[in-house]
Amino acid sequence: MRDLDLIETERLVLSGWRREQLDDLVRMHGDPEIARYFTASGAAWSREKCAESLDIWIELFDSQRLGKLRVRRKSDGAFVGRAGFGIHEPTGEPEIGYTLFREFRGEGYATEAATALRDWIFRETDWDHFIGFAHVDNAPSIAVLKRIGMTETGVEDFKGMPCLFHVLEKAA
């Protein structure tokens, strides 16, 4: 099997998904606490929605080395969440995103993964910027965007949700 690891940090490994890992994604996005900021209704993702997202992420990883990646803890291999770049449909820009299981929040993993992704995209691709956004009530996610150096660009409606958008330009 080909190596799906893309990025390693001090404590984490970010890697591509395999279809047989669908149950992990269902367990994560099926949690209403995790899903509450992903849709206007706040509803947990169905198994079908998870499978559709997984297919998109696998294709993005295979074609562009992008996609939301699995995040595992190096010390014990625990699946802690997902982080990576999607393509923002309205504009075609890379969009950073991350989600962690509740039990792994507050450990700095989201910032560690986002920092590694920021560095990776500017080092390994031709992109000169990327965007990120979070629901206006999702203070922890907004804090991560700021910690990795992103600049706030304003509140916009995204799929019926008020989201605070950010951008990060590659340094000249």
Protein backbone atom coordinates (compact mmCIF):
# COMPACT_ATOMS: atom_id res chain seq x y z
CA MET A 1 0.00 0.00 0.00
CA ARG A 2 1.27 3.46 -0.83
CA ASP A 3 2.35 5.75 1.97
CA LEU A 4 -0.45 8.16 2.86
CA ASP A 5 1.50 10.19 5.42
CA LEU A 6 1.91 13.77 4.26
CA ILE A 7 2.99 15.85 7.26
CA GLU A 8 4.62 15.06 10.58
CA THR A 9 4.87 17.46 13.49
CA GLU A 10 6.40 17.01 16.91
CA ARG A 11 3.31 15.17 18.17
CA LEU A 12 1.12 14.46 15.13
CA VAL A 13 0.98 12.68 11.78
CA LEU A 14 -1.36 13.99 9.08
CA SER A 15 -2.20 11.47 6.39
CA GLY A 16 -4.62 10.72 3.59
CA TRP A 17 -7.78 8.73 4.22
CA ARG A 18 -8.71 5.26 3.00
CA ARG A 19 -12.33 4.25 2.32
CA GLU A 20 -12.18 1.58 5.02
CA GLN A 21 -11.76 4.40 7.57
CA LEU A 22 -15.30 5.68 6.97
CA ASP A 23 -16.45 4.54 10.42
CA ASP A 24 -13.89 6.88 12.03
CA LEU A 25 -15.32 9.84 10.12
CA VAL A 26 -18.90 8.82 10.97
CA ARG A 27 -17.96 8.59 14.65
CA MET A 28 -16.47 12.10 14.53
CA HIS A 29 -18.98 13.98 12.36
CA GLY A 30 -21.90 11.99 13.74
CA ASP A 31 -21.30 13.70 17.08
CA PRO A 32 -23.76 16.64 17.31
CA GLU A 33 -21.26 18.64 19.42
CA ILE A 34 -18.67 18.39 16.64
CA ALA A 35 -21.16 18.94 13.81
CA ARG A 36 -22.93 21.97 15.29
CA TYR A 37 -20.82 24.52 13.38
CA PHE A 38 -20.77 22.67 10.03
CA THR A 39 -24.34 23.21 8.86
CA ALA A 40 -26.96 25.88 9.42
CA SER A 41 -29.14 23.26 11.11
CA GLY A 42 -26.27 22.04 13.30
CA ALA A 43 -27.23 18.47 12.42
CA ALA A 44 -24.73 15.62 12.65
CA TRP A 45 -23.53 14.25 9.32
CA SER A 46 -25.19 11.15 7.94
CA ARG A 47 -23.13 8.13 6.92
CA GLU A 48 -23.84 9.10 3.30
CA LYS A 49 -22.54 12.67 3.83
CA CYS A 50 -19.42 11.27 5.50
CA ALA A 51 -18.84 8.86 2.60
CA GLU A 52 -19.28 11.68 0.08
CA SER A 53 -16.82 13.89 1.96
CA LEU A 54 -14.34 11.04 2.28
CA ASP A 55 -14.46 10.46 -1.49
CA ILE A 56 -13.77 14.16 -2.12
CA TRP A 57 -10.86 14.22 0.33
CA ILE A 58 -9.34 11.04 -1.13
CA GLU A 59 -9.56 12.49 -4.66
CA LEU A 60 -8.04 15.81 -3.55
CA PHE A 61 -5.21 13.98 -1.80
CA ASP A 62 -4.52 11.82 -4.85
CA SER A 63 -4.69 14.67 -7.37
CA GLN A 64 -3.34 17.69 -5.45
CA ARG A 65 -2.06 16.41 -2.08
CA LEU A 66 -4.85 18.51 -0.54
CA GLY A 67 -8.00 17.41 1.27
CA LYS A 68 -8.91 17.15 4.92
CA LEU A 69 -6.38 14.72 6.37
CA ARG A 70 -6.55 12.21 9.23
CA VAL A 71 -4.72 13.44 12.30
CA ARG A 72 -3.11 10.84 14.55
CA ARG A 73 -1.09 11.29 17.69
CA LYS A 74 2.46 9.96 17.23
CA SER A 75 2.87 8.67 20.78
CA ASP A 76 0.09 6.07 20.55
CA GLY A 77 -1.46 6.31 17.08
CA ALA A 78 -4.75 7.64 18.47
CA PHE A 79 -7.06 9.17 15.87
CA VAL A 80 -7.56 12.71 17.19
CA GLY A 81 -9.38 14.41 14.31
CA ARG A 82 -8.96 15.81 10.83
CA ALA A 83 -7.22 18.86 9.41
CA GLY A 84 -6.29 19.99 5.96
CA PHE A 85 -7.22 22.01 2.91
CA GLY A 86 -10.40 21.80 0.94
CA ILE A 87 -11.24 23.84 -2.12
CA HIS A 88 -13.69 26.65 -1.27
CA GLU A 89 -16.40 26.05 -3.87
CA PRO A 90 -17.43 29.66 -4.50
CA THR A 91 -13.88 30.86 -5.27
CA GLY A 92 -11.68 27.80 -5.94
CA GLU A 93 -9.24 28.89 -3.22
CA PRO A 94 -7.65 26.48 -0.75
CA GLU A 95 -9.48 26.62 2.57
CA ILE A 96 -7.97 25.35 5.81
CA GLY A 97 -10.14 23.46 8.24
CA TYR A 98 -9.77 21.24 11.29
CA THR A 99 -11.89 19.29 13.74
CA LEU A 100 -10.86 17.35 16.81
CA PHE A 101 -12.67 14.89 19.03
CA ARG A 102 -13.73 16.56 22.27
CA GLU A 103 -11.27 14.59 24.38
CA PHE A 104 -8.33 15.98 22.39
CA ARG A 105 -9.29 19.65 22.52
CA GLY A 106 -7.29 22.11 24.58
CA GLU A 107 -3.99 20.28 23.96
CA GLY A 108 -2.76 22.56 21.15
CA TYR A 109 -3.25 19.89 18.48
CA ALA A 110 -5.39 22.08 16.19
CA THR A 111 -2.81 24.88 16.24
CA GLU A 112 0.04 22.41 15.73
CA ALA A 113 -1.71 20.82 12.73
CA ALA A 114 -2.77 24.18 11.25
CA THR A 115 0.75 25.59 11.60
CA ALA A 116 2.21 22.57 9.80
CA LEU A 117 -0.41 22.86 7.06
CA ARG A 118 0.32 26.57 6.64
CA ASP A 119 4.01 25.90 6.22
CA TRP A 120 3.41 22.91 3.94
CA ILE A 121 1.10 24.66 1.45
CA PHE A 122 3.51 27.54 0.88
CA ARG A 123 6.55 25.25 0.66
CA GLU A 124 5.08 22.41 -1.43
CA THR A 125 2.51 24.08 -3.72
CA ASP A 126 2.23 27.11 -5.98
CA TRP A 127 -0.60 28.66 -3.94
CA ASP A 128 0.21 32.20 -2.78
CA HIS A 129 -2.60 32.39 -0.22
CA PHE A 130 -5.31 30.40 1.50
CA ILE A 131 -8.48 31.22 3.38
CA GLY A 132 -10.03 29.96 6.57
CA PHE A 133 -13.31 30.62 8.28
CA ALA A 134 -15.36 29.56 11.26
CA HIS A 135 -18.85 30.16 12.56
CA VAL A 136 -18.86 33.47 14.46
CA ASP A 137 -19.68 31.59 17.70
CA ASN A 138 -16.81 29.12 17.31
CA ALA A 139 -14.21 31.06 19.31
CA PRO A 140 -11.68 28.19 19.60
CA SER A 141 -11.48 27.74 15.80
CA ILE A 142 -11.23 31.49 15.23
CA ALA A 143 -8.39 31.61 17.77
CA VAL A 144 -6.46 28.94 15.81
CA LEU A 145 -6.80 30.96 12.59
CA LYS A 146 -5.38 34.00 14.36
CA ARG A 147 -2.57 32.01 16.03
CA ILE A 148 -1.27 30.83 12.65
CA GLY A 149 -1.09 34.42 11.42
CA MET A 150 -4.28 34.78 9.39
CA THR A 151 -5.88 38.19 8.87
CA GLU A 152 -9.59 38.68 9.47
CA THR A 153 -11.46 39.79 6.34
CA GLY A 154 -15.01 39.99 7.67
CA VAL A 155 -18.22 38.13 8.34
CA GLU A 156 -19.92 36.46 5.39
CA ASP A 157 -22.85 34.10 5.06
CA PHE A 158 -21.69 30.59 4.16
CA LYS A 159 -24.43 28.04 3.54
CA GLY A 160 -26.79 29.90 5.86
CA MET A 161 -24.27 30.44 8.67
CA PRO A 162 -22.54 33.65 9.74
CA CYS A 163 -18.82 32.90 9.39
CA LEU A 164 -15.77 35.00 10.18
CA PHE A 165 -13.42 34.74 7.20
CA HIS A 166 -9.62 35.06 7.27
CA VAL A 167 -6.83 35.03 4.68
CA LEU A 168 -3.12 34.34 4.81
CA GLU A 169 -0.84 35.55 2.02
CA LYS A 170 2.51 33.92 1.34
CA ALA A 171 5.36 36.13 2.51
CA ALA A 172 7.30 37.72 -0.35
